[in-house]
Structure formats: C-alpha cells, structure tokens
Amino acid sequence: MGKIPELLIPAGSLPVLKTAVRYGADAVYIGGEVMSLRAKAVNFSLEDMQKGIEFARERGVKVYVTANIFAHNSDLKEARGYFRELAGLEPDAVLISDPGMFRICR
C-alpha cells in the first residue's frame, strides 16, 4: 500500500498560514526573520511562529520551519541561539540544506 501524499503549502505570514490551514493544508512551511534564504522578505517573528504553530496544531496541521541558509562562520553563534529558540516553539520539523547547520541543529 502506498503512502498518502502530504499537501505542503508555503506561508510567508501568519494570515497566509491561517488561510492555508483553513483550506486544507496537511502542513505548512514558514521562514523566520533569520536563517532563511528569504530572510530579506517579510517572514515570521518568533512570536508569530508561536501563534502559527498553535493555530495549526489545534487543527491537526504540521508546521515546518526553514533554516536553509548556507552558513558562514559568522552565522554559527546566531544559529545556535536560533535553534534553541526554535526548540522551545516545537515545530514539527526544521528544513535545513547546509550540513553544518544540520549538525548545530541536531
């Protein structure tokens, strides 16, 4: 028996996350104000991440947070702090593309 596909929707803001959840997303992915390739775009503050995660969880929807930069040495200290903050928010997953960032997050 095959797996059922997951409908994963990008959400650039809290209102978009809520819309995706209301329209049937199985999961959403969001980026924070740091550690995201779209860091210069409007992204989620930690406060909005918490609100979004709570909203989604109450409705059975997963939230994945991107931390997909390719880090430089100067990013590593901030990354450690960011991952500690994310751990407190308890997203369902963190989407990472850089092996060094993976090690720090793990």
PDB file of N, CA and C in Angstrom:
ATOM      1  N   MET A   1       0.839  -1.165   0.000  1.00  0.00           N
ATOM      2  CA  MET A   1       0.000   0.000   0.000  1.00  0.00           C
ATOM      3  C   MET A   1       0.897   1.245   0.000  1.00  0.00           C
ATOM      4  N   GLY A   2       0.593   2.214  -0.868  1.00  0.00           N
ATOM      5  CA  GLY A   2       1.389   3.432  -0.969  1.00  0.00           C
ATOM      6  C   GLY A   2       1.047   4.447   0.098  1.00  0.00           C
ATOM      7  N   LYS A   3       1.951   5.380   0.273  1.00  0.00           N
ATOM      8  CA  LYS A   3       1.734   6.452   1.235  1.00  0.00           C
ATOM      9  C   LYS A   3       0.809   7.503   0.636  1.00  0.00           C
ATOM     10  N   ILE A   4       0.061   8.171   1.470  1.00  0.00           N
ATOM     11  CA  ILE A   4      -0.804   9.257   1.028  1.00  0.00           C
ATOM     12  C   ILE A   4       0.044  10.517   0.944  1.00  0.00           C
ATOM     13  N   PRO A   5      -0.008  11.235  -0.171  1.00  0.00           N
ATOM     14  CA  PRO A   5       0.783  12.467  -0.293  1.00  0.00           C
ATOM     15  C   PRO A   5       0.349  13.506   0.748  1.00  0.00           C
ATOM     16  N   GLU A   6       1.284  14.349   1.113  1.00  0.00           N
ATOM     17  CA  GLU A   6       1.023  15.432   2.056  1.00  0.00           C
ATOM     18  C   GLU A   6       0.934  16.741   1.269  1.00  0.00           C
ATOM     19  N   LEU A   7      -0.111  17.510   1.504  1.00  0.00           N
ATOM     20  CA  LEU A   7      -0.252  18.819   0.883  1.00  0.00           C
ATOM     21  C   LEU A   7       0.492  19.829   1.745  1.00  0.00           C
ATOM     22  N   LEU A   8       1.677  20.247   1.264  1.00  0.00           N
ATOM     23  CA  LEU A   8       2.568  21.153   1.979  1.00  0.00           C
ATOM     24  C   LEU A   8       2.521  22.514   1.300  1.00  0.00           C
ATOM     25  N   ILE A   9       2.153  23.550   2.039  1.00  0.00           N
ATOM     26  CA  ILE A   9       1.951  24.889   1.492  1.00  0.00           C
ATOM     27  C   ILE A   9       2.944  25.862   2.123  1.00  0.00           C
ATOM     28  N   PRO A  10       3.592  26.722   1.312  1.00  0.00           N
ATOM     29  CA  PRO A  10       4.440  27.766   1.893  1.00  0.00           C
ATOM     30  C   PRO A  10       3.572  28.879   2.479  1.00  0.00           C
ATOM     31  N   ALA A  11       4.014  29.441   3.578  1.00  0.00           N
ATOM     32  CA  ALA A  11       3.282  30.547   4.199  1.00  0.00           C
ATOM     33  C   ALA A  11       4.277  31.633   4.601  1.00  0.00           C
ATOM     34  N   GLY A  12       4.151  32.789   4.002  1.00  0.00           N
ATOM     35  CA  GLY A  12       5.067  33.891   4.276  1.00  0.00           C
ATOM     36  C   GLY A  12       4.634  34.793   5.414  1.00  0.00           C
ATOM     37  N   SER A  13       3.448  34.575   5.944  1.00  0.00           N
ATOM     38  CA  SER A  13       2.959  35.410   7.050  1.00  0.00           C
ATOM     39  C   SER A  13       1.896  34.638   7.818  1.00  0.00           C
ATOM     40  N   LEU A  14       1.558  35.139   8.987  1.00  0.00           N
ATOM     41  CA  LEU A  14       0.556  34.477   9.809  1.00  0.00           C
ATOM     42  C   LEU A  14      -0.805  34.416   9.121  1.00  0.00           C
ATOM     43  N   PRO A  15      -1.271  35.494   8.473  1.00  0.00           N
ATOM     44  CA  PRO A  15      -2.558  35.383   7.763  1.00  0.00           C
ATOM     45  C   PRO A  15      -2.543  34.327   6.652  1.00  0.00           C
ATOM     46  N   VAL A  16      -1.421  34.203   5.953  1.00  0.00           N
ATOM     47  CA  VAL A  16      -1.322  33.188   4.890  1.00  0.00           C
ATOM     48  C   VAL A  16      -1.328  31.792   5.506  1.00  0.00           C
ATOM     49  N   LEU A  17      -0.626  31.600   6.615  1.00  0.00           N
ATOM     50  CA  LEU A  17      -0.641  30.306   7.298  1.00  0.00           C
ATOM     51  C   LEU A  17      -2.070  29.930   7.669  1.00  0.00           C
ATOM     52  N   LYS A  18      -2.797  30.870   8.256  1.00  0.00           N
ATOM     53  CA  LYS A  18      -4.169  30.582   8.669  1.00  0.00           C
ATOM     54  C   LYS A  18      -5.050  30.230   7.472  1.00  0.00           C
ATOM     55  N   THR A  19      -4.849  30.920   6.362  1.00  0.00           N
ATOM     56  CA  THR A  19      -5.621  30.622   5.149  1.00  0.00           C
ATOM     57  C   THR A  19      -5.294  29.223   4.642  1.00  0.00           C
ATOM     58  N   ALA A  20      -4.007  28.877   4.601  1.00  0.00           N
ATOM     59  CA  ALA A  20      -3.602  27.547   4.131  1.00  0.00           C
ATOM     60  C   ALA A  20      -4.208  26.458   5.010  1.00  0.00           C
ATOM     61  N   VAL A  21      -4.191  26.668   6.312  1.00  0.00           N
ATOM     62  CA  VAL A  21      -4.763  25.690   7.238  1.00  0.00           C
ATOM     63  C   VAL A  21      -6.265  25.559   7.008  1.00  0.00           C
ATOM     64  N   ARG A  22      -6.934  26.692   6.895  1.00  0.00           N
ATOM     65  CA  ARG A  22      -8.395  26.663   6.705  1.00  0.00           C
ATOM     66  C   ARG A  22      -8.800  25.998   5.396  1.00  0.00           C
ATOM     67  N   TYR A  23      -7.938  26.076   4.382  1.00  0.00           N
ATOM     68  CA  TYR A  23      -8.269  25.499   3.078  1.00  0.00           C
ATOM     69  C   TYR A  23      -7.744  24.081   2.898  1.00  0.00           C
ATOM     70  N   GLY A  24      -7.258  23.469   3.970  1.00  0.00           N
ATOM     71  CA  GLY A  24      -6.971  22.047   3.908  1.00  0.00           C
ATOM     72  C   GLY A  24      -5.532  21.608   3.802  1.00  0.00           C
ATOM     73  N   ALA A  25      -4.564  22.484   4.066  1.00  0.00           N
ATOM     74  CA  ALA A  25      -3.170  22.043   4.050  1.00  0.00           C
ATOM     75  C   ALA A  25      -2.949  20.974   5.112  1.00  0.00           C
ATOM     76  N   ASP A  26      -2.137  19.978   4.778  1.00  0.00           N
ATOM     77  CA  ASP A  26      -1.713  18.990   5.766  1.00  0.00           C
ATOM     78  C   ASP A  26      -0.559  19.540   6.600  1.00  0.00           C
ATOM     79  N   ALA A  27       0.217  20.417   5.970  1.00  0.00           N
ATOM     80  CA  ALA A  27       1.374  21.023   6.618  1.00  0.00           C
ATOM     81  C   ALA A  27       1.684  22.343   5.922  1.00  0.00           C
ATOM     82  N   VAL A  28       2.349  23.233   6.651  1.00  0.00           N
ATOM     83  CA  VAL A  28       2.823  24.491   6.070  1.00  0.00           C
ATOM     84  C   VAL A  28       4.299  24.629   6.407  1.00  0.00           C
ATOM     85  N   TYR A  29       5.024  25.354   5.562  1.00  0.00           N
ATOM     86  CA  TYR A  29       6.391  25.675   5.943  1.00  0.00           C
ATOM     87  C   TYR A  29       6.561  27.176   5.968  1.00  0.00           C
ATOM     88  N   ILE A  30       7.313  27.611   6.976  1.00  0.00           N
ATOM     89  CA  ILE A  30       7.490  29.029   7.229  1.00  0.00           C
ATOM     90  C   ILE A  30       8.964  29.337   7.425  1.00  0.00           C
ATOM     91  N   GLY A  31       9.331  30.580   7.219  1.00  0.00           N
ATOM     92  CA  GLY A  31      10.692  31.032   7.449  1.00  0.00           C
ATOM     93  C   GLY A  31      10.708  32.086   8.529  1.00  0.00           C
ATOM     94  N   GLY A  32      11.775  32.105   9.284  1.00  0.00           N
ATOM     95  CA  GLY A  32      11.939  33.116  10.310  1.00  0.00           C
ATOM     96  C   GLY A  32      12.630  34.345   9.764  1.00  0.00           C
ATOM     97  N   GLU A  33      12.812  35.311  10.621  1.00  0.00           N
ATOM     98  CA  GLU A  33      13.463  36.554  10.224  1.00  0.00           C
ATOM     99  C   GLU A  33      14.966  36.368  10.021  1.00  0.00           C
ATOM    100  N   VAL A  34      15.507  35.251  10.489  1.00  0.00           N
ATOM    101  CA  VAL A  34      16.918  34.922  10.291  1.00  0.00           C
ATOM    102  C   VAL A  34      17.030  33.471   9.845  1.00  0.00           C
ATOM    103  N   MET A  35      18.162  33.090   9.326  1.00  0.00           N
ATOM    104  CA  MET A  35      18.484  31.716   8.930  1.00  0.00           C
ATOM    105  C   MET A  35      17.636  31.182   7.786  1.00  0.00           C
ATOM    106  N   SER A  36      16.977  32.036   7.061  1.00  0.00           N
ATOM    107  CA  SER A  36      16.150  31.623   5.932  1.00  0.00           C
ATOM    108  C   SER A  36      16.691  32.277   4.667  1.00  0.00           C
ATOM    109  N   LEU A  37      16.663  31.553   3.557  1.00  0.00           N
ATOM    110  CA  LEU A  37      17.114  32.143   2.295  1.00  0.00           C
ATOM    111  C   LEU A  37      16.281  33.357   1.908  1.00  0.00           C
ATOM    112  N   ARG A  38      15.069  33.424   2.424  1.00  0.00           N
ATOM    113  CA  ARG A  38      14.198  34.561   2.146  1.00  0.00           C
ATOM    114  C   ARG A  38      14.205  35.541   3.317  1.00  0.00           C
ATOM    115  N   ALA A  39      15.340  35.662   4.021  1.00  0.00           N
ATOM    116  CA  ALA A  39      15.414  36.483   5.232  1.00  0.00           C
ATOM    117  C   ALA A  39      15.101  37.955   4.962  1.00  0.00           C
ATOM    118  N   LYS A  40      15.320  38.417   3.743  1.00  0.00           N
ATOM    119  CA  LYS A  40      15.025  39.811   3.432  1.00  0.00           C
ATOM    120  C   LYS A  40      13.549  40.027   3.127  1.00  0.00           C
ATOM    121  N   ALA A  41      12.815  38.968   2.924  1.00  0.00           N
ATOM    122  CA  ALA A  41      11.368  39.055   2.693  1.00  0.00           C
ATOM    123  C   ALA A  41      10.658  39.208   4.045  1.00  0.00           C
ATOM    124  N   VAL A  42       9.390  39.484   3.992  1.00  0.00           N
ATOM    125  CA  VAL A  42       8.596  39.514   5.225  1.00  0.00           C
ATOM    126  C   VAL A  42       8.444  38.071   5.697  1.00  0.00           C
ATOM    127  N   ASN A  43       8.897  37.793   6.888  1.00  0.00           N
ATOM    128  CA  ASN A  43       8.852  36.449   7.445  1.00  0.00           C
ATOM    129  C   ASN A  43       8.297  36.483   8.857  1.00  0.00           C
ATOM    130  N   PHE A  44       8.289  35.356   9.489  1.00  0.00           N
ATOM    131  CA  PHE A  44       7.712  35.195  10.809  1.00  0.00           C
ATOM    132  C   PHE A  44       8.662  35.648  11.914  1.00  0.00           C
ATOM    133  N   SER A  45       8.155  36.463  12.825  1.00  0.00           N
ATOM    134  CA  SER A  45       8.862  36.717  14.075  1.00  0.00           C
ATOM    135  C   SER A  45       8.670  35.470  14.934  1.00  0.00           C
ATOM    136  N   LEU A  46       9.448  35.343  15.987  1.00  0.00           N
ATOM    137  CA  LEU A  46       9.276  34.190  16.878  1.00  0.00           C
ATOM    138  C   LEU A  46       7.884  34.192  17.496  1.00  0.00           C
ATOM    139  N   GLU A  47       7.359  35.365  17.802  1.00  0.00           N
ATOM    140  CA  GLU A  47       6.010  35.463  18.370  1.00  0.00           C
ATOM    141  C   GLU A  47       4.959  34.958  17.385  1.00  0.00           C
ATOM    142  N   ASP A  48       5.079  35.371  16.110  1.00  0.00           N
ATOM    143  CA  ASP A  48       4.118  34.900  15.104  1.00  0.00           C
ATOM    144  C   ASP A  48       4.293  33.416  14.814  1.00  0.00           C
ATOM    145  N   MET A  49       5.548  32.926  14.888  1.00  0.00           N
ATOM    146  CA  MET A  49       5.759  31.481  14.729  1.00  0.00           C
ATOM    147  C   MET A  49       4.975  30.722  15.790  1.00  0.00           C
ATOM    148  N   GLN A  50       5.077  31.181  17.038  1.00  0.00           N
ATOM    149  CA  GLN A  50       4.382  30.513  18.132  1.00  0.00           C
ATOM    150  C   GLN A  50       2.876  30.526  17.879  1.00  0.00           C
ATOM    151  N   LYS A  51       2.346  31.675  17.492  1.00  0.00           N
ATOM    152  CA  LYS A  51       0.910  31.775  17.212  1.00  0.00           C
ATOM    153  C   LYS A  51       0.516  30.849  16.064  1.00  0.00           C
ATOM    154  N   GLY A  52       1.340  30.821  15.006  1.00  0.00           N
ATOM    155  CA  GLY A  52       1.049  29.972  13.864  1.00  0.00           C
ATOM    156  C   GLY A  52       1.099  28.502  14.197  1.00  0.00           C
ATOM    157  N   ILE A  53       2.095  28.105  14.985  1.00  0.00           N
ATOM    158  CA  ILE A  53       2.220  26.701  15.381  1.00  0.00           C
ATOM    159  C   ILE A  53       1.015  26.300  16.226  1.00  0.00           C
ATOM    160  N   GLU A  54       0.618  27.146  17.155  1.00  0.00           N
ATOM    161  CA  GLU A  54      -0.546  26.835  17.994  1.00  0.00           C
ATOM    162  C   GLU A  54      -1.817  26.736  17.150  1.00  0.00           C
ATOM    163  N   PHE A  55      -2.016  27.680  16.234  1.00  0.00           N
ATOM    164  CA  PHE A  55      -3.198  27.672  15.367  1.00  0.00           C
ATOM    165  C   PHE A  55      -3.253  26.391  14.546  1.00  0.00           C
ATOM    166  N   ALA A  56      -2.121  26.040  13.944  1.00  0.00           N
ATOM    167  CA  ALA A  56      -2.067  24.846  13.096  1.00  0.00           C
ATOM    168  C   ALA A  56      -2.282  23.571  13.919  1.00  0.00           C
ATOM    169  N   ARG A  57      -1.606  23.468  15.049  1.00  0.00           N
ATOM    170  CA  ARG A  57      -1.714  22.267  15.884  1.00  0.00           C
ATOM    171  C   ARG A  57      -3.144  22.023  16.348  1.00  0.00           C
ATOM    172  N   GLU A  58      -3.832  23.099  16.701  1.00  0.00           N
ATOM    173  CA  GLU A  58      -5.223  22.956  17.145  1.00  0.00           C
ATOM    174  C   GLU A  58      -6.095  22.351  16.052  1.00  0.00           C
ATOM    175  N   ARG A  59      -5.638  22.426  14.810  1.00  0.00           N
ATOM    176  CA  ARG A  59      -6.403  21.938  13.672  1.00  0.00           C
ATOM    177  C   ARG A  59      -5.756  20.724  13.013  1.00  0.00           C
ATOM    178  N   GLY A  60      -4.774  20.135  13.678  1.00  0.00           N
ATOM    179  CA  GLY A  60      -4.134  18.920  13.181  1.00  0.00           C
ATOM    180  C   GLY A  60      -3.199  19.119  12.006  1.00  0.00           C
ATOM    181  N   VAL A  61      -2.658  20.334  11.851  1.00  0.00           N
ATOM    182  CA  VAL A  61      -1.769  20.650  10.728  1.00  0.00           C
ATOM    183  C   VAL A  61      -0.340  20.818  11.258  1.00  0.00           C
ATOM    184  N   LYS A  62       0.629  20.275  10.526  1.00  0.00           N
ATOM    185  CA  LYS A  62       2.038  20.363  10.907  1.00  0.00           C
ATOM    186  C   LYS A  62       2.636  21.683  10.430  1.00  0.00           C
ATOM    187  N   VAL A  63       3.671  22.129  11.155  1.00  0.00           N
ATOM    188  CA  VAL A  63       4.407  23.336  10.764  1.00  0.00           C
ATOM    189  C   VAL A  63       5.887  22.998  10.696  1.00  0.00           C
ATOM    190  N   TYR A  64       6.485  23.262   9.544  1.00  0.00           N
ATOM    191  CA  TYR A  64       7.917  23.083   9.330  1.00  0.00           C
ATOM    192  C   TYR A  64       8.553  24.464   9.211  1.00  0.00           C
ATOM    193  N   VAL A  65       9.703  24.650   9.845  1.00  0.00           N
ATOM    194  CA  VAL A  65      10.404  25.931   9.807  1.00  0.00           C
ATOM    195  C   VAL A  65      11.675  25.770   8.975  1.00  0.00           C
ATOM    196  N   THR A  66      11.871  26.681   8.037  1.00  0.00           N
ATOM    197  CA  THR A  66      13.075  26.629   7.217  1.00  0.00           C
ATOM    198  C   THR A  66      14.243  27.304   7.932  1.00  0.00           C
ATOM    199  N   ALA A  67      15.381  26.682   7.830  1.00  0.00           N
ATOM    200  CA  ALA A  67      16.659  27.256   8.263  1.00  0.00           C
ATOM    201  C   ALA A  67      17.631  26.846   7.174  1.00  0.00           C
ATOM    202  N   ASN A  68      17.385  27.366   5.989  1.00  0.00           N
ATOM    203  CA  ASN A  68      18.026  26.841   4.785  1.00  0.00           C
ATOM    204  C   ASN A  68      19.127  27.722   4.210  1.00  0.00           C
ATOM    205  N   ILE A  69      19.752  28.557   5.053  1.00  0.00           N
ATOM    206  CA  ILE A  69      20.890  29.324   4.565  1.00  0.00           C
ATOM    207  C   ILE A  69      22.087  28.391   4.420  1.00  0.00           C
ATOM    208  N   PHE A  70      23.049  28.821   3.620  1.00  0.00           N
ATOM    209  CA  PHE A  70      24.349  28.179   3.576  1.00  0.00           C
ATOM    210  C   PHE A  70      25.238  29.043   4.461  1.00  0.00           C
ATOM    211  N   ALA A  71      25.515  28.536   5.652  1.00  0.00           N
ATOM    212  CA  ALA A  71      26.108  29.333   6.719  1.00  0.00           C
ATOM    213  C   ALA A  71      27.575  29.656   6.474  1.00  0.00           C
ATOM    214  N   HIS A  72      27.952  30.826   6.960  1.00  0.00           N
ATOM    215  CA  HIS A  72      29.344  31.257   7.054  1.00  0.00           C
ATOM    216  C   HIS A  72      29.731  31.166   8.523  1.00  0.00           C
ATOM    217  N   ASN A  73      31.000  31.174   8.818  1.00  0.00           N
ATOM    218  CA  ASN A  73      31.447  31.077  10.210  1.00  0.00           C
ATOM    219  C   ASN A  73      30.782  32.132  11.087  1.00  0.00           C
ATOM    220  N   SER A  74      30.555  33.305  10.534  1.00  0.00           N
ATOM    221  CA  SER A  74      29.950  34.393  11.313  1.00  0.00           C
ATOM    222  C   SER A  74      28.490  34.113  11.676  1.00  0.00           C
ATOM    223  N   ASP A  75      27.855  33.137  11.029  1.00  0.00           N
ATOM    224  CA  ASP A  75      26.459  32.802  11.303  1.00  0.00           C
ATOM    225  C   ASP A  75      26.292  31.770  12.423  1.00  0.00           C
ATOM    226  N   LEU A  76      27.360  31.091  12.779  1.00  0.00           N
ATOM    227  CA  LEU A  76      27.237  29.913  13.635  1.00  0.00           C
ATOM    228  C   LEU A  76      26.753  30.221  15.045  1.00  0.00           C
ATOM    229  N   LYS A  77      27.249  31.286  15.652  1.00  0.00           N
ATOM    230  CA  LYS A  77      26.809  31.627  17.007  1.00  0.00           C
ATOM    231  C   LYS A  77      25.315  31.965  17.008  1.00  0.00           C
ATOM    232  N   GLU A  78      24.882  32.766  16.043  1.00  0.00           N
ATOM    233  CA  GLU A  78      23.468  33.121  15.948  1.00  0.00           C
ATOM    234  C   GLU A  78      22.615  31.879  15.681  1.00  0.00           C
ATOM    235  N   ALA A  79      23.133  30.954  14.876  1.00  0.00           N
ATOM    236  CA  ALA A  79      22.390  29.731  14.566  1.00  0.00           C
ATOM    237  C   ALA A  79      22.126  28.922  15.825  1.00  0.00           C
ATOM    238  N   ARG A  80      23.118  28.804  16.687  1.00  0.00           N
ATOM    239  CA  ARG A  80      22.935  28.046  17.927  1.00  0.00           C
ATOM    240  C   ARG A  80      21.792  28.637  18.764  1.00  0.00           C
ATOM    241  N   GLY A  81      21.786  29.942  18.904  1.00  0.00           N
ATOM    242  CA  GLY A  81      20.731  30.601  19.658  1.00  0.00           C
ATOM    243  C   GLY A  81      19.374  30.445  19.003  1.00  0.00           C
ATOM    244  N   TYR A  82      19.359  30.558  17.695  1.00  0.00           N
ATOM    245  CA  TYR A  82      18.104  30.439  16.948  1.00  0.00           C
ATOM    246  C   TYR A  82      17.497  29.044  17.110  1.00  0.00           C
ATOM    247  N   PHE A  83      18.335  28.023  17.002  1.00  0.00           N
ATOM    248  CA  PHE A  83      17.835  26.655  17.147  1.00  0.00           C
ATOM    249  C   PHE A  83      17.341  26.382  18.574  1.00  0.00           C
ATOM    250  N   ARG A  84      17.975  26.997  19.573  1.00  0.00           N
ATOM    251  CA  ARG A  84      17.472  26.864  20.946  1.00  0.00           C
ATOM    252  C   ARG A  84      16.082  27.501  21.055  1.00  0.00           C
ATOM    253  N   GLU A  85      15.902  28.665  20.438  1.00  0.00           N
ATOM    254  CA  GLU A  85      14.587  29.319  20.455  1.00  0.00           C
ATOM    255  C   GLU A  85      13.547  28.471  19.722  1.00  0.00           C
ATOM    256  N   LEU A  86      13.935  27.915  18.568  1.00  0.00           N
ATOM    257  CA  LEU A  86      13.010  27.062  17.821  1.00  0.00           C
ATOM    258  C   LEU A  86      12.612  25.829  18.629  1.00  0.00           C
ATOM    259  N   ALA A  87      13.549  25.265  19.345  1.00  0.00           N
ATOM    260  CA  ALA A  87      13.248  24.075  20.150  1.00  0.00           C
ATOM    261  C   ALA A  87      12.131  24.377  21.144  1.00  0.00           C
ATOM    262  N   GLY A  88      12.117  25.589  21.683  1.00  0.00           N
ATOM    263  CA  GLY A  88      11.073  25.982  22.607  1.00  0.00           C
ATOM    264  C   GLY A  88       9.711  26.107  21.943  1.00  0.00           C
ATOM    265  N   LEU A  89       9.697  26.406  20.638  1.00  0.00           N
ATOM    266  CA  LEU A  89       8.449  26.531  19.895  1.00  0.00           C
ATOM    267  C   LEU A  89       7.913  25.174  19.442  1.00  0.00           C
ATOM    268  N   GLU A  90       8.775  24.188  19.372  1.00  0.00           N
ATOM    269  CA  GLU A  90       8.431  22.819  18.993  1.00  0.00           C
ATOM    270  C   GLU A  90       7.745  22.698  17.628  1.00  0.00           C
ATOM    271  N   PRO A  91       8.396  23.190  16.558  1.00  0.00           N
ATOM    272  CA  PRO A  91       7.823  22.930  15.228  1.00  0.00           C
ATOM    273  C   PRO A  91       7.901  21.430  14.952  1.00  0.00           C
ATOM    274  N   ASP A  92       7.156  20.992  13.965  1.00  0.00           N
ATOM    275  CA  ASP A  92       7.163  19.569  13.625  1.00  0.00           C
ATOM    276  C   ASP A  92       8.457  19.142  12.960  1.00  0.00           C
ATOM    277  N   ALA A  93       9.118  20.070  12.288  1.00  0.00           N
ATOM    278  CA  ALA A  93      10.395  19.776  11.644  1.00  0.00           C
ATOM    279  C   ALA A  93      11.095  21.091  11.315  1.00  0.00           C
ATOM    280  N   VAL A  94      12.392  20.991  11.093  1.00  0.00           N
ATOM    281  CA  VAL A  94      13.183  22.119  10.603  1.00  0.00           C
ATOM    282  C   VAL A  94      13.765  21.675   9.271  1.00  0.00           C
ATOM    283  N   LEU A  95      13.578  22.499   8.249  1.00  0.00           N
ATOM    284  CA  LEU A  95      14.077  22.195   6.909  1.00  0.00           C
ATOM    285  C   LEU A  95      15.441  22.863   6.740  1.00  0.00           C
ATOM    286  N   ILE A  96      16.481  22.047   6.584  1.00  0.00           N
ATOM    287  CA  ILE A  96      17.864  22.525   6.566  1.00  0.00           C
ATOM    288  C   ILE A  96      18.552  22.026   5.302  1.00  0.00           C
ATOM    289  N   SER A  97      19.375  22.885   4.693  1.00  0.00           N
ATOM    290  CA  SER A  97      20.087  22.471   3.483  1.00  0.00           C
ATOM    291  C   SER A  97      21.603  22.409   3.689  1.00  0.00           C
ATOM    292  N   ASP A  98      22.137  23.012   4.721  1.00  0.00           N
ATOM    293  CA  ASP A  98      23.571  23.082   4.959  1.00  0.00           C
ATOM    294  C   ASP A  98      23.980  22.030   5.991  1.00  0.00           C
ATOM    295  N   PRO A  99      24.933  21.161   5.663  1.00  0.00           N
ATOM    296  CA  PRO A  99      25.335  20.106   6.605  1.00  0.00           C
ATOM    297  C   PRO A  99      25.819  20.652   7.954  1.00  0.00           C
ATOM    298  N   GLY A 100      26.509  21.773   7.947  1.00  0.00           N
ATOM    299  CA  GLY A 100      26.966  22.365   9.205  1.00  0.00           C
ATOM    300  C   GLY A 100      25.808  22.838  10.060  1.00  0.00           C
ATOM    301  N   MET A 101      24.817  23.428   9.426  1.00  0.00           N
ATOM    302  CA  MET A 101      23.628  23.863  10.151  1.00  0.00           C
ATOM    303  C   MET A 101      22.888  22.654  10.714  1.00  0.00           C
ATOM    304  N   PHE A 102      22.883  21.570   9.965  1.00  0.00           N
ATOM    305  CA  PHE A 102      22.247  20.338  10.444  1.00  0.00           C
ATOM    306  C   PHE A 102      22.902  19.872  11.737  1.00  0.00           C
ATOM    307  N   ARG A 103      24.228  19.878  11.759  1.00  0.00           N
ATOM    308  CA  ARG A 103      24.949  19.439  12.962  1.00  0.00           C
ATOM    309  C   ARG A 103      24.635  20.328  14.158  1.00  0.00           C
ATOM    310  N   ILE A 104      24.562  21.636  13.921  1.00  0.00           N
ATOM    311  CA  ILE A 104      24.263  22.573  15.011  1.00  0.00           C
ATOM    312  C   ILE A 104      22.841  22.334  15.522  1.00  0.00           C
ATOM    313  N   CYS A 105      21.892  22.162  14.608  1.00  0.00           N
ATOM    314  CA  CYS A 105      20.503  21.970  14.982  1.00  0.00           C
ATOM    315  C   CYS A 105      20.320  20.668  15.750  1.00  0.00           C
ATOM    316  N   ARG A 106      20.974  19.644  15.281  1.00  0.00           N
ATOM    317  CA  ARG A 106      20.820  18.318  15.878  1.00  0.00           C
ATOM    318  C   ARG A 106      21.262  18.351  17.316  1.00  0.00           C
TER     319      ARG A 106
END
